[in-house]
Protein backbone atom coordinates (compact mmCIF):
# COMPACT_ATOMS: atom_id res chain seq x y z
CA MET A 1 61.11 221.94 265.01
CA GLU A 2 59.81 220.45 261.63
CA PRO A 3 56.75 217.92 261.00
CA GLU A 4 58.13 214.52 259.56
CA LYS A 5 58.09 213.97 256.56
CA THR A 6 55.57 211.41 254.54
CA THR A 7 57.71 209.36 252.22
CA ARG A 8 55.43 209.07 249.11
CA SER A 9 56.25 206.48 245.87
CA ASN A 10 58.46 207.08 243.32
CA ASN A 11 59.27 210.63 245.80
CA ARG A 12 56.54 212.33 245.04
CA PRO A 13 56.66 215.37 246.54
CA PHE A 14 54.17 215.82 249.41
CA ASP A 15 51.35 218.60 246.80
CA SER A 16 51.82 216.91 243.38
CA LEU A 17 49.21 215.60 241.42
CA ARG A 18 50.13 211.42 240.38
CA PRO A 19 51.10 211.45 236.33
CA PHE A 20 47.56 212.46 234.79
CA SER A 21 46.88 211.41 230.83
CA LEU A 22 43.79 210.22 229.34
CA ARG A 23 43.24 208.22 225.52
CA ARG A 24 40.05 209.49 223.83
CA ASN A 25 37.19 207.17 221.90
CA ILE A 26 38.12 203.24 224.13
CA GLN A 27 34.78 202.37 223.50
CA PRO A 28 33.80 204.07 219.74
CA GLN A 29 30.58 202.88 220.14
CA ALA A 30 28.95 205.35 222.58
CA GLY A 31 28.40 208.72 222.32
CA ALA A 32 31.67 209.94 223.31
CA SER A 33 34.18 207.98 225.09
CA LEU A 34 38.11 208.05 227.02
CA LEU A 35 40.27 205.96 229.48
CA MET A 36 41.82 208.54 232.52
CA ARG A 37 44.36 207.81 233.65
CA ALA A 38 45.73 208.84 237.98
CA GLY A 39 48.53 207.53 238.48
CA ASN A 40 47.93 203.51 238.89
CA THR A 41 43.81 204.08 238.73
CA GLU A 42 42.32 203.72 234.58
CA VAL A 43 38.16 204.76 234.23
CA ILE A 44 36.15 204.11 231.29
CA CYS A 45 34.22 207.20 230.94
CA ALA A 46 30.98 206.83 228.64
CA VAL A 47 28.18 208.46 227.35
CA THR A 48 25.51 207.36 225.87
CA ILE A 49 22.76 210.19 224.41
CA GLU A 50 19.19 209.12 224.36
CA GLU A 51 15.81 210.42 223.07
CA GLY A 52 14.41 211.47 226.11
CA VAL A 53 14.14 212.50 229.99
CA PRO A 54 13.00 210.13 233.34
CA PRO A 55 8.79 210.91 233.83
CA PHE A 56 9.79 213.09 236.78
CA LEU A 57 10.81 215.19 233.71
CA GLU A 58 8.43 215.09 231.39
CA GLY A 59 6.68 218.06 230.48
CA LYS A 60 9.37 220.12 232.34
CA ASN A 61 11.45 221.76 228.54
CA GLN A 62 15.19 219.98 229.93
CA GLY A 63 16.93 217.75 229.25
CA TRP A 64 19.11 214.95 232.09
CA ILE A 65 22.72 214.30 232.79
CA THR A 66 22.41 210.76 235.43
CA ALA A 67 25.92 208.96 236.12
CA GLU A 68 25.85 205.35 237.07
CA TYR A 69 29.69 204.09 238.92
CA GLY A 70 31.01 200.28 239.41
CA MET A 71 34.27 198.20 239.53
CA LEU A 72 35.06 195.69 237.02
CA PRO A 73 36.27 192.53 239.06
CA CYS A 74 39.76 192.45 238.67
CA ALA A 75 40.49 196.84 239.28
CA THR A 76 41.81 195.28 242.86
CA GLY A 77 43.90 193.67 244.65
CA SER A 78 41.37 190.86 245.08
CA ARG A 79 38.45 189.72 243.52
CA TYR A 80 35.46 192.91 243.20
CA ARG A 81 32.23 191.12 243.19
CA ARG A 82 29.70 192.29 240.21
CA GLU A 83 26.81 194.88 241.74
CA THR A 84 24.47 192.02 239.92
CA SER A 85 21.54 192.41 242.45
CA GLY A 86 21.83 196.33 242.60
CA ARG A 87 24.54 198.81 243.28
CA ALA A 88 26.01 198.89 247.05
CA ALA A 89 25.42 201.38 249.33
CA ARG A 90 29.55 202.65 248.25
CA SER A 91 28.35 203.19 244.64
CA GLN A 92 25.24 204.51 245.04
CA GLU A 93 26.95 207.36 247.02
CA ILE A 94 29.70 207.53 243.93
CA GLN A 95 27.17 208.13 241.46
CA ARG A 96 25.33 210.25 242.22
CA LEU A 97 28.64 212.52 243.27
CA ILE A 98 29.17 212.06 239.68
CA GLY A 99 26.01 213.09 238.48
CA ARG A 100 25.60 215.93 240.86
CA SER A 101 28.21 217.78 239.53
CA LEU A 102 28.02 216.92 236.13
CA ARG A 103 25.30 218.47 236.46
CA MET A 104 26.42 221.77 237.32
CA MET A 105 27.84 222.13 233.81
CA VAL A 106 25.65 222.55 231.57
CA ASP A 107 22.34 224.39 231.66
CA LEU A 108 19.96 221.37 231.63
CA GLN A 109 17.26 223.36 229.08
CA GLN A 110 19.72 224.50 227.23
CA LEU A 111 19.39 219.52 226.92
CA GLY A 112 16.93 219.33 224.92
CA PRO A 113 14.59 216.65 224.56
CA TYR A 114 17.37 213.68 225.89
CA THR A 115 19.24 211.62 228.12
CA LEU A 116 22.80 211.54 228.56
CA ARG A 117 23.55 208.58 230.16
CA VAL A 118 27.29 208.65 231.94
CA ASP A 119 28.83 205.43 232.78
CA CYS A 120 32.20 205.37 234.23
CA ASP A 121 33.91 201.80 235.52
CA VAL A 122 37.40 201.65 237.01
CA LEU A 123 39.65 199.90 235.47
CA ASN A 124 42.21 199.62 237.61
CA ALA A 125 42.05 201.19 241.24
CA ASP A 126 44.60 202.33 243.29
CA GLY A 127 42.50 205.75 245.03
CA GLY A 128 40.75 208.09 244.16
CA THR A 129 38.72 206.35 241.87
CA ARG A 130 35.56 209.00 242.11
CA THR A 131 37.81 212.16 241.53
CA ALA A 132 39.51 210.81 238.17
CA ALA A 133 36.10 209.26 237.03
CA ILE A 134 34.28 213.10 238.00
CA THR A 135 37.21 214.04 235.88
CA GLY A 136 37.30 212.05 233.39
CA SER A 137 33.94 211.66 232.87
CA ALA A 138 33.20 216.26 232.35
CA ILE A 139 35.26 216.33 229.99
CA ALA A 140 33.85 213.02 228.38
CA LEU A 141 30.16 215.31 228.69
CA ARG A 142 32.07 217.56 226.65
CA ASP A 143 32.66 215.69 223.65
CA ALA A 144 29.22 214.28 223.95
CA LEU A 145 27.74 217.93 223.56
CA CYS A 146 29.76 217.91 220.68
CA THR A 147 29.42 215.59 218.62
CA MET A 148 25.20 216.20 219.40
CA GLU A 149 25.88 219.67 218.12
CA GLN A 150 27.15 218.86 215.15
CA ALA A 151 24.97 215.76 214.35
CA GLY A 152 22.30 218.05 214.98
CA MET A 153 20.81 216.63 217.71
CA ILE A 154 21.42 219.92 219.47
CA ARG A 155 20.85 223.74 218.00
CA THR A 156 23.76 225.10 219.56
CA LEU A 157 26.63 224.11 221.91
CA PRO A 158 25.70 225.06 225.68
CA THR A 159 27.76 226.84 227.91
CA ILE A 160 29.92 224.42 228.93
CA LEU A 161 31.60 224.79 232.83
CA PRO A 162 34.94 223.19 233.21
CA LEU A 163 35.33 221.87 236.34
CA ALA A 164 38.17 218.54 237.36
CA ALA A 165 38.18 216.88 240.69
CA VAL A 166 41.30 215.44 243.53
CA SER A 167 41.29 213.91 246.71
CA VAL A 168 43.73 215.66 249.78
CA GLY A 169 44.59 214.03 252.32
CA ILE A 170 46.81 213.70 256.14
CA ILE A 171 49.15 211.50 257.69
CA GLY A 172 50.51 212.16 261.31
CA GLU A 173 51.84 215.94 260.57
CA GLN A 174 51.20 216.00 256.20
CA THR A 175 49.04 216.99 253.57
CA LEU A 176 49.07 215.36 251.19
CA LEU A 177 47.87 215.79 247.39
CA ASP A 178 46.33 212.74 245.41
CA LEU A 179 45.94 209.58 247.37
CA ASP A 180 46.48 206.80 246.80
CA TYR A 181 45.22 203.93 248.40
CA VAL A 182 48.10 202.30 250.59
CA GLU A 183 48.02 206.48 251.79
CA ASP A 184 44.28 206.61 251.55
CA SER A 185 43.55 204.08 253.36
CA GLY A 186 45.34 204.61 256.27
CA ALA A 187 45.16 209.17 256.55
CA ASP A 188 44.44 210.29 259.35
CA ALA A 189 41.68 212.68 257.75
CA ASP A 190 41.00 212.40 253.90
CA GLY A 191 38.47 215.11 251.17
CA ASN A 192 37.15 215.16 247.14
CA PHE A 193 37.71 218.10 246.57
CA VAL A 194 35.59 219.27 242.65
CA MET A 195 36.13 222.74 241.87
CA ASP A 196 35.11 224.56 239.05
CA ASN A 197 37.70 226.31 235.92
CA GLN A 198 36.29 229.76 238.13
CA GLY A 199 37.77 228.12 241.18
CA ARG A 200 34.19 227.44 243.26
CA TRP A 201 33.81 224.48 245.32
CA LEU A 202 30.85 222.10 243.13
CA GLU A 203 31.41 220.12 245.73
CA ILE A 204 33.53 218.76 249.38
CA GLN A 205 33.08 215.37 250.74
CA ALA A 206 36.09 215.70 253.96
CA THR A 207 36.23 212.92 256.75
CA ALA A 208 38.34 213.64 259.77
CA GLU A 209 39.05 209.07 260.84
CA LYS A 210 41.74 209.56 263.72
CA ALA A 211 40.63 213.11 265.76
CA PRO A 212 38.84 216.44 265.17
CA LEU A 213 39.63 218.10 261.72
CA GLU A 214 41.16 221.79 262.62
CA ASP A 215 40.67 224.53 260.96
CA HIS A 216 43.64 225.73 259.37
CA GLN A 217 44.51 221.67 258.38
CA PHE A 218 41.20 222.20 256.66
CA GLU A 219 42.21 225.46 255.01
CA GLN A 220 45.09 223.58 253.97
CA MET A 221 43.58 220.89 252.36
CA LYS A 222 41.43 223.25 250.69
CA LYS A 223 44.89 224.67 249.34
CA LEU A 224 45.83 221.31 248.66
CA ALA A 225 42.88 220.92 246.60
CA ARG A 226 42.61 224.07 244.40
CA LYS A 227 46.54 223.40 242.66
CA GLY A 228 45.62 219.98 241.68
CA ILE A 229 42.90 221.20 241.00
CA ARG A 230 44.67 223.67 238.51
CA GLU A 231 46.64 221.53 236.70
CA LEU A 232 44.41 218.86 235.98
CA LEU A 233 41.86 221.86 234.11
CA GLU A 234 44.83 221.71 231.81
CA LEU A 235 42.81 218.45 231.10
CA TRP A 236 39.99 221.13 228.95
CA SER A 237 42.66 221.82 225.98
CA SER A 238 43.84 218.69 225.23
């Protein structure tokens, strides 16, 4: 007997991404900015170019890339309280994930004495906010590096490693690509995958919510993530 198929919104197949797109120059004052959309999830990704590096890097002849992540108050069904007294543990964990992923893109010694600070602000949240933030901020970072080269801030454009990220989950017997909020909140297991354009994994976060993951289930999750990320990498040519 074949496993029961999970009905998805808009009759989306189990192995299909939500409609995705990006719109550049959403904040013209930034070194680079864009609005990343994945289904109903929308994230503003903006890069600030700052002279100097954190104290722990002074004298080491390299630059730095870091990220901040936050949800705007009306991004969710009920008002999300502003994090005025410091980042919540979830936000800290997500922005560290974004920062680690972005630092894999570039040889930091090629940046010179600059810090690139990437702000990811969730405008609308319907699942997959961290993966949309990674995918969008990676392209915004590439755009900021191009701006730096054109302005003569760096001598040559560094080698840039394209990457993207996507979520995968298991509901019942079905493995699903790119979860929306309803799917994510009811998943038996879920994971976030970050992959480069050469098919190498940069980050994998996977959690079994209701029962331990079997090897074949995890392999299926990776297979779907690879498919989805390859499609998302098409944004790099836009």
